[in-house]
Amino acid sequence: MRRRLSARLLILDEASRVLLFRFVYKRGPLAGQDFWGTPGGGVEDDETLERAALRELVEETGLRRQSVGPEVARREVALQLPDGEHVVQDERYFLVRVADDTLSRDDWTDLEREVMVEHRWWSLEELSQTEATVWPANLPEMLQAAMR
């Protein structure tokens, strides 16, 4: 199975709520999946992790930064991509704090427009009480460690 490096973003607003997108797949290999997840995506061949994180930040939120800061968490998980490929994903998480929570969909791909059906800013309390599927499953603990 191929290893895929991924830059993920833990975006926190001034109230320390984390931005998550709801992904709903209605067709293809992931049809029926419905979950909340962090913004981010795969690192392209010519990119560093930080460049990929900055690119994903702009593409998925419209937010622009000079730097995303240091890596604050890491996770490896076997998963299936929307095209059906199974990979071992090496996810690296970067903490980004924002004062303005205005988001843009201007740079979304067609797939993102199809499957990213809503966004929400979640408090740690809301994350710990939700019955919705949230990835990564240990997100509250990851956030607490990153905010220390």
N, C-alpha and C. Protein backbone atom coordinates (compact mmCIF):
# COMPACT_ATOMS: atom_id res chain seq x y z
N MET A 1 0.85 -1.17 0.00
CA MET A 1 0.00 0.00 0.00
C MET A 1 0.90 1.25 0.00
N ARG A 2 0.55 2.19 -0.81
CA ARG A 2 1.32 3.43 -0.92
C ARG A 2 1.18 4.28 0.33
N ARG A 3 2.28 4.94 0.72
CA ARG A 3 2.25 5.92 1.81
C ARG A 3 1.96 7.28 1.21
N ARG A 4 1.07 8.01 1.84
CA ARG A 4 0.69 9.35 1.35
C ARG A 4 0.91 10.35 2.47
N LEU A 5 1.75 11.34 2.22
CA LEU A 5 2.01 12.40 3.18
C LEU A 5 0.92 13.45 3.05
N SER A 6 0.36 13.89 4.18
CA SER A 6 -0.75 14.84 4.17
C SER A 6 -0.52 15.93 5.20
N ALA A 7 -0.76 17.18 4.79
CA ALA A 7 -0.70 18.33 5.69
C ALA A 7 -2.12 18.66 6.13
N ARG A 8 -2.38 18.63 7.43
CA ARG A 8 -3.71 18.90 7.98
C ARG A 8 -3.63 20.16 8.84
N LEU A 9 -4.75 20.83 8.99
CA LEU A 9 -4.79 22.12 9.68
C LEU A 9 -5.76 22.10 10.86
N LEU A 10 -5.26 22.50 12.00
CA LEU A 10 -6.09 22.72 13.18
C LEU A 10 -6.27 24.24 13.27
N ILE A 11 -7.36 24.73 12.71
CA ILE A 11 -7.60 26.17 12.63
C ILE A 11 -8.48 26.57 13.80
N LEU A 12 -7.96 27.45 14.66
CA LEU A 12 -8.69 27.88 15.85
C LEU A 12 -9.05 29.35 15.75
N ASP A 13 -10.30 29.67 16.13
CA ASP A 13 -10.71 31.07 16.17
C ASP A 13 -10.34 31.66 17.53
N GLU A 14 -10.75 32.91 17.77
CA GLU A 14 -10.38 33.59 19.02
C GLU A 14 -10.95 32.92 20.26
N ALA A 15 -12.03 32.16 20.11
CA ALA A 15 -12.64 31.44 21.23
C ALA A 15 -12.07 30.01 21.36
N SER A 16 -11.01 29.72 20.62
CA SER A 16 -10.37 28.40 20.60
C SER A 16 -11.30 27.30 20.09
N ARG A 17 -12.21 27.69 19.21
CA ARG A 17 -13.05 26.69 18.53
C ARG A 17 -12.32 26.27 17.25
N VAL A 18 -12.43 24.98 16.90
CA VAL A 18 -11.73 24.44 15.74
C VAL A 18 -12.67 24.37 14.54
N LEU A 19 -12.12 24.71 13.38
CA LEU A 19 -12.88 24.65 12.13
C LEU A 19 -12.88 23.24 11.59
N LEU A 20 -14.07 22.70 11.34
CA LEU A 20 -14.21 21.40 10.71
C LEU A 20 -15.17 21.52 9.53
N PHE A 21 -14.92 20.71 8.53
CA PHE A 21 -15.82 20.61 7.38
C PHE A 21 -16.55 19.29 7.45
N ARG A 22 -17.81 19.31 7.02
CA ARG A 22 -18.60 18.07 6.94
C ARG A 22 -18.48 17.53 5.52
N PHE A 23 -18.01 16.31 5.43
CA PHE A 23 -17.83 15.63 4.16
C PHE A 23 -18.95 14.60 4.01
N VAL A 24 -19.69 14.69 2.92
CA VAL A 24 -20.77 13.74 2.64
C VAL A 24 -20.56 13.22 1.22
N TYR A 25 -20.30 11.92 1.12
CA TYR A 25 -20.08 11.29 -0.19
C TYR A 25 -21.35 10.58 -0.62
N LYS A 26 -21.88 10.98 -1.78
CA LYS A 26 -23.11 10.39 -2.28
C LYS A 26 -22.87 9.40 -3.40
N ARG A 27 -21.64 9.39 -3.95
CA ARG A 27 -21.33 8.46 -5.05
C ARG A 27 -19.86 8.07 -4.98
N GLY A 28 -19.50 7.09 -5.78
CA GLY A 28 -18.11 6.65 -5.83
C GLY A 28 -17.77 5.69 -4.71
N PRO A 29 -16.47 5.37 -4.57
CA PRO A 29 -16.03 4.38 -3.58
C PRO A 29 -16.37 4.75 -2.13
N LEU A 30 -16.54 6.03 -1.83
CA LEU A 30 -16.83 6.45 -0.46
C LEU A 30 -18.31 6.75 -0.23
N ALA A 31 -19.16 6.36 -1.17
CA ALA A 31 -20.60 6.64 -1.07
C ALA A 31 -21.13 6.17 0.28
N GLY A 32 -21.91 7.03 0.92
CA GLY A 32 -22.51 6.72 2.21
C GLY A 32 -21.72 7.25 3.39
N GLN A 33 -20.48 7.67 3.17
CA GLN A 33 -19.70 8.21 4.28
C GLN A 33 -20.12 9.65 4.57
N ASP A 34 -20.21 9.97 5.84
CA ASP A 34 -20.65 11.28 6.31
C ASP A 34 -19.87 11.56 7.59
N PHE A 35 -18.94 12.50 7.54
CA PHE A 35 -18.10 12.78 8.70
C PHE A 35 -17.61 14.22 8.69
N TRP A 36 -17.14 14.66 9.84
CA TRP A 36 -16.52 15.97 10.01
C TRP A 36 -15.02 15.78 10.06
N GLY A 37 -14.27 16.66 9.41
CA GLY A 37 -12.82 16.54 9.41
C GLY A 37 -12.13 17.88 9.27
N THR A 38 -10.85 17.85 9.55
CA THR A 38 -10.04 19.06 9.45
C THR A 38 -9.72 19.37 7.99
N PRO A 39 -9.49 20.64 7.68
CA PRO A 39 -9.02 20.98 6.33
C PRO A 39 -7.61 20.42 6.12
N GLY A 40 -7.26 20.23 4.87
CA GLY A 40 -5.92 19.76 4.54
C GLY A 40 -5.96 18.77 3.41
N GLY A 41 -4.77 18.31 3.01
CA GLY A 41 -4.72 17.35 1.92
C GLY A 41 -3.31 16.89 1.64
N GLY A 42 -3.18 16.16 0.57
CA GLY A 42 -1.92 15.53 0.21
C GLY A 42 -0.83 16.52 -0.17
N VAL A 43 0.39 16.14 0.17
CA VAL A 43 1.56 16.92 -0.20
C VAL A 43 1.94 16.54 -1.63
N GLU A 44 2.09 17.55 -2.49
CA GLU A 44 2.47 17.29 -3.88
C GLU A 44 3.97 17.05 -3.98
N ASP A 45 4.40 16.45 -5.09
CA ASP A 45 5.79 16.01 -5.26
C ASP A 45 6.84 17.08 -4.96
N ASP A 46 6.60 18.30 -5.35
CA ASP A 46 7.61 19.36 -5.22
C ASP A 46 7.43 20.21 -3.96
N GLU A 47 6.58 19.80 -3.04
CA GLU A 47 6.25 20.61 -1.88
C GLU A 47 6.89 20.12 -0.59
N THR A 48 7.17 21.07 0.30
CA THR A 48 7.47 20.74 1.68
C THR A 48 6.13 20.62 2.41
N LEU A 49 6.16 20.07 3.60
CA LEU A 49 4.93 20.00 4.40
C LEU A 49 4.36 21.39 4.64
N GLU A 50 5.21 22.35 5.00
CA GLU A 50 4.72 23.70 5.28
C GLU A 50 4.09 24.33 4.04
N ARG A 51 4.71 24.18 2.87
CA ARG A 51 4.14 24.74 1.63
C ARG A 51 2.78 24.09 1.35
N ALA A 52 2.69 22.78 1.55
CA ALA A 52 1.42 22.09 1.33
C ALA A 52 0.35 22.61 2.29
N ALA A 53 0.73 22.81 3.56
CA ALA A 53 -0.22 23.32 4.55
C ALA A 53 -0.70 24.72 4.17
N LEU A 54 0.22 25.57 3.73
CA LEU A 54 -0.16 26.93 3.31
C LEU A 54 -1.07 26.89 2.08
N ARG A 55 -0.76 26.01 1.12
CA ARG A 55 -1.59 25.88 -0.09
C ARG A 55 -2.99 25.39 0.29
N GLU A 56 -3.06 24.35 1.12
CA GLU A 56 -4.36 23.82 1.54
C GLU A 56 -5.16 24.87 2.32
N LEU A 57 -4.48 25.65 3.14
CA LEU A 57 -5.15 26.71 3.90
C LEU A 57 -5.84 27.68 2.95
N VAL A 58 -5.14 28.12 1.92
CA VAL A 58 -5.72 29.05 0.95
C VAL A 58 -6.83 28.37 0.15
N GLU A 59 -6.54 27.17 -0.37
CA GLU A 59 -7.51 26.49 -1.23
C GLU A 59 -8.82 26.18 -0.51
N GLU A 60 -8.75 25.71 0.73
CA GLU A 60 -9.96 25.24 1.40
C GLU A 60 -10.65 26.30 2.25
N THR A 61 -9.93 27.37 2.62
CA THR A 61 -10.55 28.37 3.49
C THR A 61 -10.46 29.80 2.96
N GLY A 62 -9.53 30.05 2.04
CA GLY A 62 -9.29 31.41 1.57
C GLY A 62 -8.39 32.21 2.50
N LEU A 63 -7.98 31.61 3.63
CA LEU A 63 -7.11 32.29 4.59
C LEU A 63 -5.67 32.25 4.10
N ARG A 64 -4.98 33.38 4.24
CA ARG A 64 -3.58 33.47 3.80
C ARG A 64 -2.68 33.79 4.98
N ARG A 65 -1.57 33.06 5.07
CA ARG A 65 -0.58 33.26 6.12
C ARG A 65 0.81 33.17 5.50
N GLN A 66 1.78 33.77 6.16
CA GLN A 66 3.18 33.64 5.75
C GLN A 66 3.74 32.30 6.22
N SER A 67 3.22 31.80 7.35
CA SER A 67 3.71 30.56 7.93
C SER A 67 2.57 29.89 8.68
N VAL A 68 2.65 28.58 8.77
CA VAL A 68 1.67 27.84 9.57
C VAL A 68 2.26 27.44 10.91
N GLY A 69 3.54 27.77 11.14
CA GLY A 69 4.15 27.41 12.41
C GLY A 69 4.58 25.95 12.42
N PRO A 70 4.99 25.48 13.59
CA PRO A 70 5.52 24.12 13.68
C PRO A 70 4.43 23.06 13.63
N GLU A 71 4.85 21.86 13.30
CA GLU A 71 3.97 20.70 13.35
C GLU A 71 3.63 20.44 14.82
N VAL A 72 2.32 20.23 15.12
CA VAL A 72 1.91 20.04 16.52
C VAL A 72 1.40 18.63 16.80
N ALA A 73 1.14 17.85 15.76
CA ALA A 73 0.64 16.48 15.96
C ALA A 73 0.89 15.67 14.70
N ARG A 74 0.83 14.35 14.88
CA ARG A 74 1.03 13.43 13.76
C ARG A 74 0.16 12.21 13.97
N ARG A 75 -0.33 11.65 12.87
CA ARG A 75 -1.15 10.45 12.92
C ARG A 75 -0.93 9.65 11.65
N GLU A 76 -0.90 8.35 11.77
CA GLU A 76 -0.88 7.47 10.60
C GLU A 76 -2.16 6.66 10.60
N VAL A 77 -2.78 6.56 9.43
CA VAL A 77 -4.04 5.85 9.33
C VAL A 77 -4.18 5.25 7.94
N ALA A 78 -4.70 4.02 7.89
CA ALA A 78 -5.02 3.40 6.61
C ALA A 78 -6.40 3.89 6.20
N LEU A 79 -6.51 4.37 4.98
CA LEU A 79 -7.81 4.88 4.52
C LEU A 79 -7.94 4.73 3.02
N GLN A 80 -9.16 4.96 2.56
CA GLN A 80 -9.46 4.91 1.14
C GLN A 80 -9.68 6.33 0.65
N LEU A 81 -9.05 6.68 -0.45
CA LEU A 81 -9.21 8.00 -1.06
C LEU A 81 -10.48 8.02 -1.92
N PRO A 82 -10.97 9.21 -2.26
CA PRO A 82 -12.19 9.29 -3.08
C PRO A 82 -12.09 8.57 -4.43
N ASP A 83 -10.87 8.40 -4.97
CA ASP A 83 -10.72 7.69 -6.24
C ASP A 83 -10.68 6.17 -6.07
N GLY A 84 -10.76 5.70 -4.81
CA GLY A 84 -10.79 4.27 -4.52
C GLY A 84 -9.46 3.70 -4.06
N GLU A 85 -8.36 4.44 -4.23
CA GLU A 85 -7.05 3.94 -3.82
C GLU A 85 -6.98 3.83 -2.30
N HIS A 86 -6.40 2.72 -1.83
CA HIS A 86 -6.15 2.53 -0.41
C HIS A 86 -4.72 2.96 -0.12
N VAL A 87 -4.53 3.78 0.92
CA VAL A 87 -3.21 4.30 1.27
C VAL A 87 -3.01 4.24 2.78
N VAL A 88 -1.76 4.32 3.19
CA VAL A 88 -1.43 4.61 4.58
C VAL A 88 -1.09 6.09 4.59
N GLN A 89 -1.93 6.85 5.25
CA GLN A 89 -1.76 8.31 5.25
C GLN A 89 -0.98 8.75 6.48
N ASP A 90 0.11 9.47 6.23
CA ASP A 90 0.95 10.06 7.27
C ASP A 90 0.51 11.51 7.40
N GLU A 91 -0.34 11.77 8.39
CA GLU A 91 -0.92 13.11 8.57
C GLU A 91 -0.09 13.93 9.54
N ARG A 92 0.28 15.13 9.11
CA ARG A 92 1.01 16.07 9.96
C ARG A 92 0.08 17.26 10.18
N TYR A 93 -0.09 17.64 11.44
CA TYR A 93 -1.03 18.69 11.81
C TYR A 93 -0.30 19.97 12.20
N PHE A 94 -0.84 21.10 11.71
CA PHE A 94 -0.30 22.42 11.98
C PHE A 94 -1.39 23.27 12.62
N LEU A 95 -1.03 24.02 13.67
CA LEU A 95 -1.98 24.87 14.38
C LEU A 95 -1.97 26.26 13.76
N VAL A 96 -3.16 26.75 13.40
CA VAL A 96 -3.31 28.09 12.83
C VAL A 96 -4.38 28.82 13.63
N ARG A 97 -4.03 29.96 14.18
CA ARG A 97 -5.01 30.78 14.92
C ARG A 97 -5.46 31.92 14.01
N VAL A 98 -6.76 32.20 14.04
CA VAL A 98 -7.32 33.25 13.19
C VAL A 98 -8.17 34.20 14.02
N ALA A 99 -8.15 35.46 13.63
CA ALA A 99 -9.01 36.47 14.26
C ALA A 99 -10.27 36.66 13.43
N ASP A 100 -10.14 36.47 12.13
CA ASP A 100 -11.27 36.64 11.21
C ASP A 100 -11.69 35.26 10.74
N ASP A 101 -12.95 34.91 10.98
CA ASP A 101 -13.40 33.57 10.59
C ASP A 101 -14.18 33.57 9.27
N THR A 102 -13.96 34.61 8.44
CA THR A 102 -14.58 34.67 7.13
C THR A 102 -13.86 33.70 6.19
N LEU A 103 -14.61 32.80 5.60
CA LEU A 103 -14.03 31.78 4.73
C LEU A 103 -14.45 31.98 3.29
N SER A 104 -13.66 31.41 2.38
CA SER A 104 -13.96 31.49 0.95
C SER A 104 -13.89 30.09 0.33
N ARG A 105 -14.79 29.84 -0.60
CA ARG A 105 -14.79 28.59 -1.37
C ARG A 105 -14.25 28.80 -2.77
N ASP A 106 -13.70 29.96 -3.04
CA ASP A 106 -13.27 30.33 -4.39
C ASP A 106 -12.30 29.35 -5.03
N ASP A 107 -11.42 28.74 -4.25
CA ASP A 107 -10.40 27.84 -4.80
C ASP A 107 -10.72 26.36 -4.61
N TRP A 108 -11.97 26.04 -4.29
CA TRP A 108 -12.35 24.65 -4.12
C TRP A 108 -12.37 23.92 -5.46
N THR A 109 -11.99 22.65 -5.43
CA THR A 109 -12.11 21.79 -6.61
C THR A 109 -13.57 21.38 -6.77
N ASP A 110 -13.88 20.79 -7.91
CA ASP A 110 -15.24 20.28 -8.13
C ASP A 110 -15.60 19.24 -7.08
N LEU A 111 -14.65 18.36 -6.73
CA LEU A 111 -14.92 17.34 -5.71
C LEU A 111 -15.21 17.98 -4.37
N GLU A 112 -14.42 18.99 -3.98
CA GLU A 112 -14.67 19.67 -2.70
C GLU A 112 -16.04 20.33 -2.68
N ARG A 113 -16.43 20.95 -3.79
CA ARG A 113 -17.76 21.57 -3.86
C ARG A 113 -18.87 20.54 -3.73
N GLU A 114 -18.61 19.33 -4.20
CA GLU A 114 -19.61 18.27 -4.13
C GLU A 114 -19.72 17.66 -2.73
N VAL A 115 -18.58 17.42 -2.07
CA VAL A 115 -18.62 16.64 -0.83
C VAL A 115 -18.49 17.46 0.45
N MET A 116 -17.94 18.66 0.38
CA MET A 116 -17.80 19.48 1.59
C MET A 116 -19.07 20.33 1.72
N VAL A 117 -20.04 19.79 2.43
CA VAL A 117 -21.39 20.35 2.40
C VAL A 117 -21.64 21.45 3.42
N GLU A 118 -20.81 21.53 4.45
CA GLU A 118 -20.94 22.61 5.42
C GLU A 118 -19.68 22.71 6.26
N HIS A 119 -19.58 23.81 6.98
CA HIS A 119 -18.47 23.97 7.92
C HIS A 119 -19.03 24.47 9.24
N ARG A 120 -18.24 24.28 10.27
CA ARG A 120 -18.67 24.69 11.61
C ARG A 120 -17.45 24.87 12.49
N TRP A 121 -17.54 25.82 13.41
CA TRP A 121 -16.51 26.04 14.42
C TRP A 121 -16.96 25.31 15.69
N TRP A 122 -16.16 24.33 16.15
CA TRP A 122 -16.52 23.46 17.26
C TRP A 122 -15.71 23.79 18.51
N SER A 123 -16.38 23.85 19.65
CA SER A 123 -15.67 23.96 20.92
C SER A 123 -15.22 22.56 21.35
N LEU A 124 -14.27 22.51 22.27
CA LEU A 124 -13.85 21.20 22.80
C LEU A 124 -15.02 20.47 23.44
N GLU A 125 -15.86 21.21 24.14
CA GLU A 125 -17.03 20.59 24.79
C GLU A 125 -17.97 19.98 23.75
N GLU A 126 -18.23 20.72 22.66
CA GLU A 126 -19.09 20.19 21.61
C GLU A 126 -18.50 18.94 20.97
N LEU A 127 -17.19 18.95 20.76
CA LEU A 127 -16.53 17.77 20.18
C LEU A 127 -16.67 16.55 21.09
N SER A 128 -16.54 16.78 22.40
CA SER A 128 -16.60 15.65 23.33
C SER A 128 -18.01 15.11 23.49
N GLN A 129 -19.04 15.88 23.11
CA GLN A 129 -20.42 15.46 23.30
C GLN A 129 -21.13 15.00 22.02
N THR A 130 -20.52 15.26 20.86
CA THR A 130 -21.22 14.97 19.61
C THR A 130 -21.32 13.47 19.34
N GLU A 131 -22.39 13.10 18.67
CA GLU A 131 -22.54 11.73 18.21
C GLU A 131 -22.15 11.61 16.75
N ALA A 132 -21.82 12.75 16.12
CA ALA A 132 -21.36 12.74 14.73
C ALA A 132 -19.98 12.09 14.65
N THR A 133 -19.65 11.56 13.49
CA THR A 133 -18.32 11.01 13.27
C THR A 133 -17.37 12.18 13.00
N VAL A 134 -16.29 12.25 13.77
CA VAL A 134 -15.28 13.29 13.63
C VAL A 134 -13.93 12.63 13.48
N TRP A 135 -13.17 13.07 12.46
CA TRP A 135 -11.82 12.54 12.23
C TRP A 135 -10.80 13.66 12.36
N PRO A 136 -9.71 13.44 13.05
CA PRO A 136 -9.37 12.20 13.74
C PRO A 136 -10.20 12.02 15.01
N ALA A 137 -10.38 10.78 15.42
CA ALA A 137 -11.21 10.47 16.58
C ALA A 137 -10.64 11.09 17.86
N ASN A 138 -9.34 11.27 17.92
CA ASN A 138 -8.71 11.85 19.11
C ASN A 138 -8.50 13.36 18.98
N LEU A 139 -9.31 14.01 18.18
CA LEU A 139 -9.15 15.45 17.94
C LEU A 139 -9.18 16.27 19.23
N PRO A 140 -10.09 16.03 20.18
CA PRO A 140 -10.05 16.84 21.40
C PRO A 140 -8.71 16.77 22.13
N GLU A 141 -8.18 15.57 22.25
CA GLU A 141 -6.88 15.41 22.92
C GLU A 141 -5.76 16.08 22.12
N MET A 142 -5.82 15.95 20.80
CA MET A 142 -4.83 16.56 19.93
C MET A 142 -4.84 18.10 20.10
N LEU A 143 -6.05 18.66 20.16
CA LEU A 143 -6.19 20.11 20.33
C LEU A 143 -5.68 20.57 21.69
N GLN A 144 -6.04 19.84 22.73
CA GLN A 144 -5.57 20.22 24.07
C GLN A 144 -4.05 20.23 24.14
N ALA A 145 -3.42 19.22 23.56
CA ALA A 145 -1.96 19.16 23.57
C ALA A 145 -1.37 20.30 22.75
N ALA A 146 -1.98 20.62 21.61
CA ALA A 146 -1.45 21.68 20.74
C ALA A 146 -1.59 23.06 21.36
N MET A 147 -2.62 23.26 22.20
CA MET A 147 -2.87 24.57 22.81
C MET A 147 -2.04 24.81 24.05
N ARG A 148 -1.34 23.79 24.55
CA ARG A 148 -0.52 23.95 25.76
C ARG A 148 0.68 24.81 25.48
